[in-house]
């Protein structure tokens, strides 16, 4: 995929790979909370009574994933410190 544009990237290729890694990690962090919600709901539907720590761990994982998604995928390289300003 990058073979045609790789010669034009020069020293910026490391930023391309870093961006791909950040996007992939953001993708995983955006999908994982849905799996965690499924893991919370499934025992309730089956009539089991999970412990409070079970819920706390899953909710903490959801929070960490949402935070990682916000940092890696939404905020990413668009932070004010990385933006180029023209005058």
PDB file of N, CA and C in Angstrom:
ATOM      1  N   UNK A   1       0.821  -1.193   0.000  1.00  0.00           N
ATOM      2  CA  UNK A   1       0.000   0.000   0.000  1.00  0.00           C
ATOM      3  C   UNK A   1       0.866   1.257   0.000  1.00  0.00           C
ATOM      4  N   UNK A   2       1.896   1.257   0.814  1.00  0.00           N
ATOM      5  CA  UNK A   2       2.754   2.425   0.901  1.00  0.00           C
ATOM      6  C   UNK A   2       3.894   2.402  -0.108  1.00  0.00           C
ATOM      7  N   UNK A   3       4.006   1.348  -0.867  1.00  0.00           N
ATOM      8  CA  UNK A   3       5.166   1.212  -1.748  1.00  0.00           C
ATOM      9  C   UNK A   3       5.241   2.328  -2.794  1.00  0.00           C
ATOM     10  N   UNK A   4       4.107   2.809  -3.264  1.00  0.00           N
ATOM     11  CA  UNK A   4       4.128   3.864  -4.283  1.00  0.00           C
ATOM     12  C   UNK A   4       4.417   5.240  -3.705  1.00  0.00           C
ATOM     13  N   UNK A   5       3.968   5.476  -2.477  1.00  0.00           N
ATOM     14  CA  UNK A   5       4.180   6.806  -1.906  1.00  0.00           C
ATOM     15  C   UNK A   5       5.356   6.859  -0.931  1.00  0.00           C
ATOM     16  N   UNK A   6       5.949   5.693  -0.648  1.00  0.00           N
ATOM     17  CA  UNK A   6       7.061   5.628   0.295  1.00  0.00           C
ATOM     18  C   UNK A   6       8.244   6.513  -0.116  1.00  0.00           C
ATOM     19  N   UNK A   7       8.617   6.567  -1.377  1.00  0.00           N
ATOM     20  CA  UNK A   7       9.747   7.427  -1.743  1.00  0.00           C
ATOM     21  C   UNK A   7       9.489   8.917  -1.477  1.00  0.00           C
ATOM     22  N   UNK A   8       8.249   9.319  -1.491  1.00  0.00           N
ATOM     23  CA  UNK A   8       7.924  10.733  -1.266  1.00  0.00           C
ATOM     24  C   UNK A   8       7.864  11.095   0.213  1.00  0.00           C
ATOM     25  N   UNK A   9       7.753  10.091   1.071  1.00  0.00           N
ATOM     26  CA  UNK A   9       7.635  10.346   2.509  1.00  0.00           C
ATOM     27  C   UNK A   9       8.948  10.785   3.131  1.00  0.00           C
ATOM     28  N   UNK A  10      10.033  10.223   2.681  1.00  0.00           N
ATOM     29  CA  UNK A  10      11.329  10.578   3.234  1.00  0.00           C
ATOM     30  C   UNK A  10      11.408  10.299   4.726  1.00  0.00           C
ATOM     31  N   UNK A  11      11.769  11.303   5.493  1.00  0.00           N
ATOM     32  CA  UNK A  11      11.930  11.126   6.943  1.00  0.00           C
ATOM     33  C   UNK A  11      10.593  11.138   7.685  1.00  0.00           C
ATOM     34  N   UNK A  12       9.508  11.437   6.998  1.00  0.00           N
ATOM     35  CA  UNK A  12       8.194  11.490   7.653  1.00  0.00           C
ATOM     36  C   UNK A  12       7.522  10.125   7.762  1.00  0.00           C
ATOM     37  N   UNK A  13       8.182   9.089   7.278  1.00  0.00           N
ATOM     38  CA  UNK A  13       7.578   7.761   7.319  1.00  0.00           C
ATOM     39  C   UNK A  13       7.344   7.298   8.751  1.00  0.00           C
ATOM     40  N   UNK A  14       8.206   7.714   9.670  1.00  0.00           N
ATOM     41  CA  UNK A  14       8.011   7.316  11.071  1.00  0.00           C
ATOM     42  C   UNK A  14       6.724   7.914  11.629  1.00  0.00           C
ATOM     43  N   UNK A  15       6.348   9.098  11.184  1.00  0.00           N
ATOM     44  CA  UNK A  15       5.098   9.703  11.634  1.00  0.00           C
ATOM     45  C   UNK A  15       3.895   8.961  11.055  1.00  0.00           C
ATOM     46  N   UNK A  16       4.045   8.463   9.851  1.00  0.00           N
ATOM     47  CA  UNK A  16       2.967   7.692   9.229  1.00  0.00           C
ATOM     48  C   UNK A  16       2.727   6.402  10.011  1.00  0.00           C
ATOM     49  N   UNK A  17       3.800   5.714  10.359  1.00  0.00           N
ATOM     50  CA  UNK A  17       3.650   4.484  11.130  1.00  0.00           C
ATOM     51  C   UNK A  17       3.138   4.770  12.540  1.00  0.00           C
ATOM     52  N   UNK A  18       3.571   5.865  13.131  1.00  0.00           N
ATOM     53  CA  UNK A  18       3.060   6.246  14.458  1.00  0.00           C
ATOM     54  C   UNK A  18       1.570   6.556  14.388  1.00  0.00           C
ATOM     55  N   UNK A  19       1.144   7.234  13.331  1.00  0.00           N
ATOM     56  CA  UNK A  19      -0.274   7.547  13.158  1.00  0.00           C
ATOM     57  C   UNK A  19      -1.094   6.276  12.950  1.00  0.00           C
ATOM     58  N   UNK A  20      -0.565   5.336  12.173  1.00  0.00           N
ATOM     59  CA  UNK A  20      -1.269   4.067  11.976  1.00  0.00           C
ATOM     60  C   UNK A  20      -1.397   3.304  13.291  1.00  0.00           C
ATOM     61  N   UNK A  21      -0.345   3.301  14.073  1.00  0.00           N
ATOM     62  CA  UNK A  21      -0.396   2.637  15.377  1.00  0.00           C
ATOM     63  C   UNK A  21      -1.394   3.288  16.308  1.00  0.00           C
ATOM     64  N   UNK A  22      -1.416   4.622  16.325  1.00  0.00           N
ATOM     65  CA  UNK A  22      -2.362   5.346  17.179  1.00  0.00           C
ATOM     66  C   UNK A  22      -3.799   5.101  16.721  1.00  0.00           C
ATOM     67  N   UNK A  23      -4.021   5.067  15.421  1.00  0.00           N
ATOM     68  CA  UNK A  23      -5.368   4.812  14.921  1.00  0.00           C
ATOM     69  C   UNK A  23      -5.820   3.387  15.229  1.00  0.00           C
ATOM     70  N   UNK A  24      -4.905   2.421  15.119  1.00  0.00           N
ATOM     71  CA  UNK A  24      -5.264   1.038  15.428  1.00  0.00           C
ATOM     72  C   UNK A  24      -5.571   0.885  16.919  1.00  0.00           C
ATOM     73  N   UNK A  25      -4.758   1.484  17.763  1.00  0.00           N
ATOM     74  CA  UNK A  25      -5.019   1.420  19.208  1.00  0.00           C
ATOM     75  C   UNK A  25      -6.333   2.126  19.544  1.00  0.00           C
ATOM     76  N   UNK A  26      -6.611   3.251  18.878  1.00  0.00           N
ATOM     77  CA  UNK A  26      -7.879   3.939  19.081  1.00  0.00           C
ATOM     78  C   UNK A  26      -9.068   3.108  18.621  1.00  0.00           C
ATOM     79  N   UNK A  27      -8.879   2.376  17.547  1.00  0.00           N
ATOM     80  CA  UNK A  27      -9.939   1.494  17.055  1.00  0.00           C
ATOM     81  C   UNK A  27     -10.244   0.394  18.069  1.00  0.00           C
ATOM     82  N   UNK A  28      -9.215  -0.225  18.599  1.00  0.00           N
ATOM     83  CA  UNK A  28      -9.403  -1.261  19.614  1.00  0.00           C
ATOM     84  C   UNK A  28     -10.082  -0.662  20.848  1.00  0.00           C
ATOM     85  N   UNK A  29      -9.634   0.530  21.249  1.00  0.00           N
ATOM     86  CA  UNK A  29     -10.206   1.178  22.434  1.00  0.00           C
ATOM     87  C   UNK A  29     -11.651   1.610  22.211  1.00  0.00           C
ATOM     88  N   UNK A  30     -12.059   1.805  20.974  1.00  0.00           N
ATOM     89  CA  UNK A  30     -13.447   2.188  20.723  1.00  0.00           C
ATOM     90  C   UNK A  30     -14.379   0.983  20.639  1.00  0.00           C
ATOM     91  N   UNK A  31     -13.859  -0.199  20.327  1.00  0.00           N
ATOM     92  CA  UNK A  31     -14.676  -1.400  20.202  1.00  0.00           C
ATOM     93  C   UNK A  31     -14.767  -2.158  21.526  1.00  0.00           C
ATOM     94  N   UNK A  32     -13.709  -2.155  22.299  1.00  0.00           N
ATOM     95  CA  UNK A  32     -13.656  -2.930  23.539  1.00  0.00           C
ATOM     96  C   UNK A  32     -14.751  -2.568  24.549  1.00  0.00           C
ATOM     97  N   UNK A  33     -15.166  -1.301  24.708  1.00  0.00           N
ATOM     98  CA  UNK A  33     -16.253  -1.016  25.658  1.00  0.00           C
ATOM     99  C   UNK A  33     -17.561  -1.734  25.333  1.00  0.00           C
ATOM    100  N   UNK A  34     -17.860  -1.936  24.068  1.00  0.00           N
ATOM    101  CA  UNK A  34     -19.081  -2.657  23.701  1.00  0.00           C
ATOM    102  C   UNK A  34     -19.005  -4.116  24.153  1.00  0.00           C
ATOM    103  N   UNK A  35     -17.834  -4.701  24.051  1.00  0.00           N
ATOM    104  CA  UNK A  35     -17.637  -6.069  24.545  1.00  0.00           C
ATOM    105  C   UNK A  35     -17.770  -6.114  26.065  1.00  0.00           C
ATOM    106  N   UNK A  36     -17.262  -5.101  26.743  1.00  0.00           N
ATOM    107  CA  UNK A  36     -17.371  -5.058  28.201  1.00  0.00           C
ATOM    108  C   UNK A  36     -18.830  -4.894  28.646  1.00  0.00           C
ATOM    109  N   UNK A  37     -19.602  -4.097  27.926  1.00  0.00           N
ATOM    110  CA  UNK A  37     -21.032  -3.951  28.242  1.00  0.00           C
ATOM    111  C   UNK A  37     -21.742  -5.281  28.029  1.00  0.00           C
ATOM    112  N   UNK A  38     -21.379  -5.991  26.985  1.00  0.00           N
ATOM    113  CA  UNK A  38     -21.943  -7.333  26.758  1.00  0.00           C
ATOM    114  C   UNK A  38     -21.621  -8.248  27.925  1.00  0.00           C
ATOM    115  N   UNK A  39     -20.380  -8.170  28.419  1.00  0.00           N
ATOM    116  CA  UNK A  39     -19.982  -9.027  29.547  1.00  0.00           C
ATOM    117  C   UNK A  39     -20.693  -8.636  30.834  1.00  0.00           C
ATOM    118  N   UNK A  40     -21.123  -7.392  30.944  1.00  0.00           N
ATOM    119  CA  UNK A  40     -21.900  -6.973  32.117  1.00  0.00           C
ATOM    120  C   UNK A  40     -23.343  -7.454  32.003  1.00  0.00           C
ATOM    121  N   UNK A  41     -23.933  -7.340  30.819  1.00  0.00           N
ATOM    122  CA  UNK A  41     -25.341  -7.657  30.616  1.00  0.00           C
ATOM    123  C   UNK A  41     -25.604  -9.165  30.584  1.00  0.00           C
ATOM    124  N   UNK A  42     -24.706  -9.927  30.004  1.00  0.00           N
ATOM    125  CA  UNK A  42     -24.923 -11.367  29.827  1.00  0.00           C
ATOM    126  C   UNK A  42     -25.248 -12.109  31.126  1.00  0.00           C
ATOM    127  N   UNK A  43     -24.481 -11.939  32.206  1.00  0.00           N
ATOM    128  CA  UNK A  43     -24.843 -12.664  33.440  1.00  0.00           C
ATOM    129  C   UNK A  43     -26.188 -12.223  34.005  1.00  0.00           C
ATOM    130  N   UNK A  44     -26.545 -10.976  33.808  1.00  0.00           N
ATOM    131  CA  UNK A  44     -27.835 -10.508  34.313  1.00  0.00           C
ATOM    132  C   UNK A  44     -28.990 -11.151  33.564  1.00  0.00           C
ATOM    133  N   UNK A  45     -28.834 -11.336  32.273  1.00  0.00           N
ATOM    134  CA  UNK A  45     -29.873 -11.979  31.472  1.00  0.00           C
ATOM    135  C   UNK A  45     -30.001 -13.453  31.830  1.00  0.00           C
ATOM    136  N   UNK A  46     -28.855 -14.084  32.130  1.00  0.00           N
ATOM    137  CA  UNK A  46     -28.872 -15.507  32.462  1.00  0.00           C
ATOM    138  C   UNK A  46     -29.302 -15.774  33.892  1.00  0.00           C
ATOM    139  N   UNK A  47     -29.555 -14.733  34.674  1.00  0.00           N
ATOM    140  CA  UNK A  47     -30.047 -14.908  36.029  1.00  0.00           C
ATOM    141  C   UNK A  47     -28.965 -15.045  37.084  1.00  0.00           C
ATOM    142  N   UNK A  48     -27.726 -14.854  36.720  1.00  0.00           N
ATOM    143  CA  UNK A  48     -26.636 -14.929  37.687  1.00  0.00           C
ATOM    144  C   UNK A  48     -26.542 -13.620  38.461  1.00  0.00           C
ATOM    145  N   UNK A  49     -25.843 -13.658  39.583  1.00  0.00           N
ATOM    146  CA  UNK A  49     -25.642 -12.450  40.385  1.00  0.00           C
ATOM    147  C   UNK A  49     -24.147 -12.182  40.496  1.00  0.00           C
ATOM    148  N   UNK A  50     -23.592 -11.393  39.582  1.00  0.00           N
ATOM    149  CA  UNK A  50     -22.164 -11.079  39.674  1.00  0.00           C
ATOM    150  C   UNK A  50     -21.879 -10.183  40.884  1.00  0.00           C
ATOM    151  N   UNK A  51     -20.644 -10.225  41.329  1.00  0.00           N
ATOM    152  CA  UNK A  51     -20.260  -9.420  42.490  1.00  0.00           C
ATOM    153  C   UNK A  51     -20.061  -7.968  42.080  1.00  0.00           C
ATOM    154  N   UNK A  52     -19.977  -7.115  43.076  1.00  0.00           N
ATOM    155  CA  UNK A  52     -19.763  -5.689  42.815  1.00  0.00           C
ATOM    156  C   UNK A  52     -18.393  -5.447  42.192  1.00  0.00           C
ATOM    157  N   UNK A  53     -17.412  -6.253  42.569  1.00  0.00           N
ATOM    158  CA  UNK A  53     -16.076  -6.078  41.984  1.00  0.00           C
ATOM    159  C   UNK A  53     -16.079  -6.428  40.493  1.00  0.00           C
ATOM    160  N   UNK A  54     -16.927  -7.366  40.091  1.00  0.00           N
ATOM    161  CA  UNK A  54     -17.070  -7.715  38.672  1.00  0.00           C
ATOM    162  C   UNK A  54     -17.518  -6.491  37.876  1.00  0.00           C
ATOM    163  N   UNK A  55     -18.532  -5.800  38.404  1.00  0.00           N
ATOM    164  CA  UNK A  55     -19.018  -4.587  37.741  1.00  0.00           C
ATOM    165  C   UNK A  55     -17.965  -3.488  37.768  1.00  0.00           C
ATOM    166  N   UNK A  56     -17.296  -3.324  38.900  1.00  0.00           N
ATOM    167  CA  UNK A  56     -16.306  -2.254  39.042  1.00  0.00           C
ATOM    168  C   UNK A  56     -15.149  -2.432  38.071  1.00  0.00           C
ATOM    169  N   UNK A  57     -14.688  -3.664  37.924  1.00  0.00           N
ATOM    170  CA  UNK A  57     -13.578  -3.921  36.999  1.00  0.00           C
ATOM    171  C   UNK A  57     -13.987  -3.624  35.565  1.00  0.00           C
ATOM    172  N   UNK A  58     -15.177  -4.072  35.175  1.00  0.00           N
ATOM    173  CA  UNK A  58     -15.628  -3.846  33.804  1.00  0.00           C
ATOM    174  C   UNK A  58     -15.880  -2.361  33.529  1.00  0.00           C
ATOM    175  N   UNK A  59     -16.428  -1.659  34.485  1.00  0.00           N
ATOM    176  CA  UNK A  59     -16.661  -0.225  34.301  1.00  0.00           C
ATOM    177  C   UNK A  59     -15.337   0.526  34.252  1.00  0.00           C
ATOM    178  N   UNK A  60     -14.351   0.095  35.042  1.00  0.00           N
ATOM    179  CA  UNK A  60     -13.029   0.723  34.991  1.00  0.00           C
ATOM    180  C   UNK A  60     -12.369   0.490  33.632  1.00  0.00           C
ATOM    181  N   UNK A  61     -12.517  -0.712  33.086  1.00  0.00           N
ATOM    182  CA  UNK A  61     -11.962  -1.000  31.754  1.00  0.00           C
ATOM    183  C   UNK A  61     -12.649  -0.139  30.702  1.00  0.00           C
ATOM    184  N   UNK A  62     -13.958   0.023  30.809  1.00  0.00           N
ATOM    185  CA  UNK A  62     -14.682   0.885  29.874  1.00  0.00           C
ATOM    186  C   UNK A  62     -14.171   2.317  29.966  1.00  0.00           C
ATOM    187  N   UNK A  63     -13.972   2.815  31.179  1.00  0.00           N
ATOM    188  CA  UNK A  63     -13.474   4.174  31.359  1.00  0.00           C
ATOM    189  C   UNK A  63     -12.083   4.335  30.757  1.00  0.00           C
ATOM    190  N   UNK A  64     -11.200   3.388  31.003  1.00  0.00           N
ATOM    191  CA  UNK A  64      -9.838   3.468  30.460  1.00  0.00           C
ATOM    192  C   UNK A  64      -9.859   3.420  28.933  1.00  0.00           C
ATOM    193  N   UNK A  65     -10.713   2.569  28.373  1.00  0.00           N
ATOM    194  CA  UNK A  65     -10.818   2.483  26.912  1.00  0.00           C
ATOM    195  C   UNK A  65     -11.349   3.775  26.308  1.00  0.00           C
ATOM    196  N   UNK A  66     -12.353   4.367  26.933  1.00  0.00           N
ATOM    197  CA  UNK A  66     -12.885   5.632  26.413  1.00  0.00           C
ATOM    198  C   UNK A  66     -11.844   6.749  26.511  1.00  0.00           C
ATOM    199  N   UNK A  67     -11.087   6.755  27.588  1.00  0.00           N
ATOM    200  CA  UNK A  67     -10.020   7.744  27.727  1.00  0.00           C
ATOM    201  C   UNK A  67      -8.936   7.530  26.680  1.00  0.00           C
ATOM    202  N   UNK A  68      -8.539   6.280  26.475  1.00  0.00           N
ATOM    203  CA  UNK A  68      -7.536   5.975  25.451  1.00  0.00           C
ATOM    204  C   UNK A  68      -8.045   6.346  24.072  1.00  0.00           C
ATOM    205  N   UNK A  69      -9.307   6.078  23.791  1.00  0.00           N
ATOM    206  CA  UNK A  69      -9.888   6.448  22.506  1.00  0.00           C
ATOM    207  C   UNK A  69      -9.846   7.957  22.304  1.00  0.00           C
ATOM    208  N   UNK A  70     -10.197   8.703  23.349  1.00  0.00           N
ATOM    209  CA  UNK A  70     -10.190  10.162  23.245  1.00  0.00           C
ATOM    210  C   UNK A  70      -8.786  10.686  22.992  1.00  0.00           C
ATOM    211  N   UNK A  71      -7.805  10.103  23.636  1.00  0.00           N
ATOM    212  CA  UNK A  71      -6.433  10.582  23.474  1.00  0.00           C
ATOM    213  C   UNK A  71      -5.840  10.147  22.146  1.00  0.00           C
ATOM    214  N   UNK A  72      -5.995   8.878  21.796  1.00  0.00           N
ATOM    215  CA  UNK A  72      -5.320   8.342  20.617  1.00  0.00           C
ATOM    216  C   UNK A  72      -6.033   8.645  19.309  1.00  0.00           C
ATOM    217  N   UNK A  73      -7.328   8.609  19.308  1.00  0.00           N
ATOM    218  CA  UNK A  73      -8.052   8.689  18.047  1.00  0.00           C
ATOM    219  C   UNK A  73      -8.680  10.052  17.812  1.00  0.00           C
ATOM    220  N   UNK A  74      -9.309  10.613  18.818  1.00  0.00           N
ATOM    221  CA  UNK A  74      -9.983  11.896  18.643  1.00  0.00           C
ATOM    222  C   UNK A  74      -8.996  13.047  18.792  1.00  0.00           C
ATOM    223  N   UNK A  75      -8.294  13.077  19.909  1.00  0.00           N
ATOM    224  CA  UNK A  75      -7.374  14.187  20.169  1.00  0.00           C
ATOM    225  C   UNK A  75      -6.137  14.035  19.299  1.00  0.00           C
ATOM    226  N   UNK A  76      -5.470  12.905  19.392  1.00  0.00           N
ATOM    227  CA  UNK A  76      -4.340  12.536  18.536  1.00  0.00           C
ATOM    228  C   UNK A  76      -3.358  13.648  18.271  1.00  0.00           C
ATOM    229  N   UNK A  77      -3.027  13.837  17.021  1.00  0.00           N
ATOM    230  CA  UNK A  77      -2.053  14.850  16.615  1.00  0.00           C
ATOM    231  C   UNK A  77      -2.705  16.211  16.421  1.00  0.00           C
ATOM    232  N   UNK A  78      -3.981  16.343  16.722  1.00  0.00           N
ATOM    233  CA  UNK A  78      -4.674  17.619  16.551  1.00  0.00           C
ATOM    234  C   UNK A  78      -4.600  18.494  17.785  1.00  0.00           C
ATOM    235  N   UNK A  79      -3.729  18.160  18.706  1.00  0.00           N
ATOM    236  CA  UNK A  79      -3.618  18.976  19.905  1.00  0.00           C
ATOM    237  C   UNK A  79      -3.035  20.339  19.543  1.00  0.00           C
ATOM    238  N   UNK A  80      -3.287  21.350  20.342  1.00  0.00           N
ATOM    239  CA  UNK A  80      -2.778  22.686  20.032  1.00  0.00           C
ATOM    240  C   UNK A  80      -1.259  22.758  19.926  1.00  0.00           C
ATOM    241  N   UNK A  81      -0.543  21.877  20.596  1.00  0.00           N
ATOM    242  CA  UNK A  81       0.924  21.928  20.534  1.00  0.00           C
ATOM    243  C   UNK A  81       1.458  21.429  19.211  1.00  0.00           C
ATOM    244  N   UNK A  82       0.678  20.625  18.468  1.00  0.00           N
ATOM    245  CA  UNK A  82       1.149  20.072  17.197  1.00  0.00           C
ATOM    246  C   UNK A  82       0.591  20.793  15.974  1.00  0.00           C
ATOM    247  N   UNK A  83      -0.315  21.727  16.179  1.00  0.00           N
ATOM    248  CA  UNK A  83      -0.930  22.378  15.030  1.00  0.00           C
ATOM    249  C   UNK A  83      -0.001  23.440  14.457  1.00  0.00           C
ATOM    250  N   UNK A  84      -0.038  23.550  13.155  1.00  0.00           N
ATOM    251  CA  UNK A  84       0.736  24.550  12.439  1.00  0.00           C
ATOM    252  C   UNK A  84      -0.147  25.791  12.267  1.00  0.00           C
ATOM    253  N   UNK A  85       0.366  26.919  12.624  1.00  0.00           N
ATOM    254  CA  UNK A  85      -0.406  28.148  12.462  1.00  0.00           C
ATOM    255  C   UNK A  85       0.240  29.015  11.408  1.00  0.00           C
ATOM    256  N   UNK A  86      -0.583  29.594  10.580  1.00  0.00           N
ATOM    257  CA  UNK A  86      -0.081  30.513   9.558  1.00  0.00           C
ATOM    258  C   UNK A  86      -0.570  31.906   9.895  1.00  0.00           C
ATOM    259  N   UNK A  87       0.173  32.866   9.487  1.00  0.00           N
ATOM    260  CA  UNK A  87      -0.209  34.262   9.749  1.00  0.00           C
ATOM    261  C   UNK A  87      -0.400  35.022   8.472  1.00  0.00           C
TER     262      UNK A  87
END
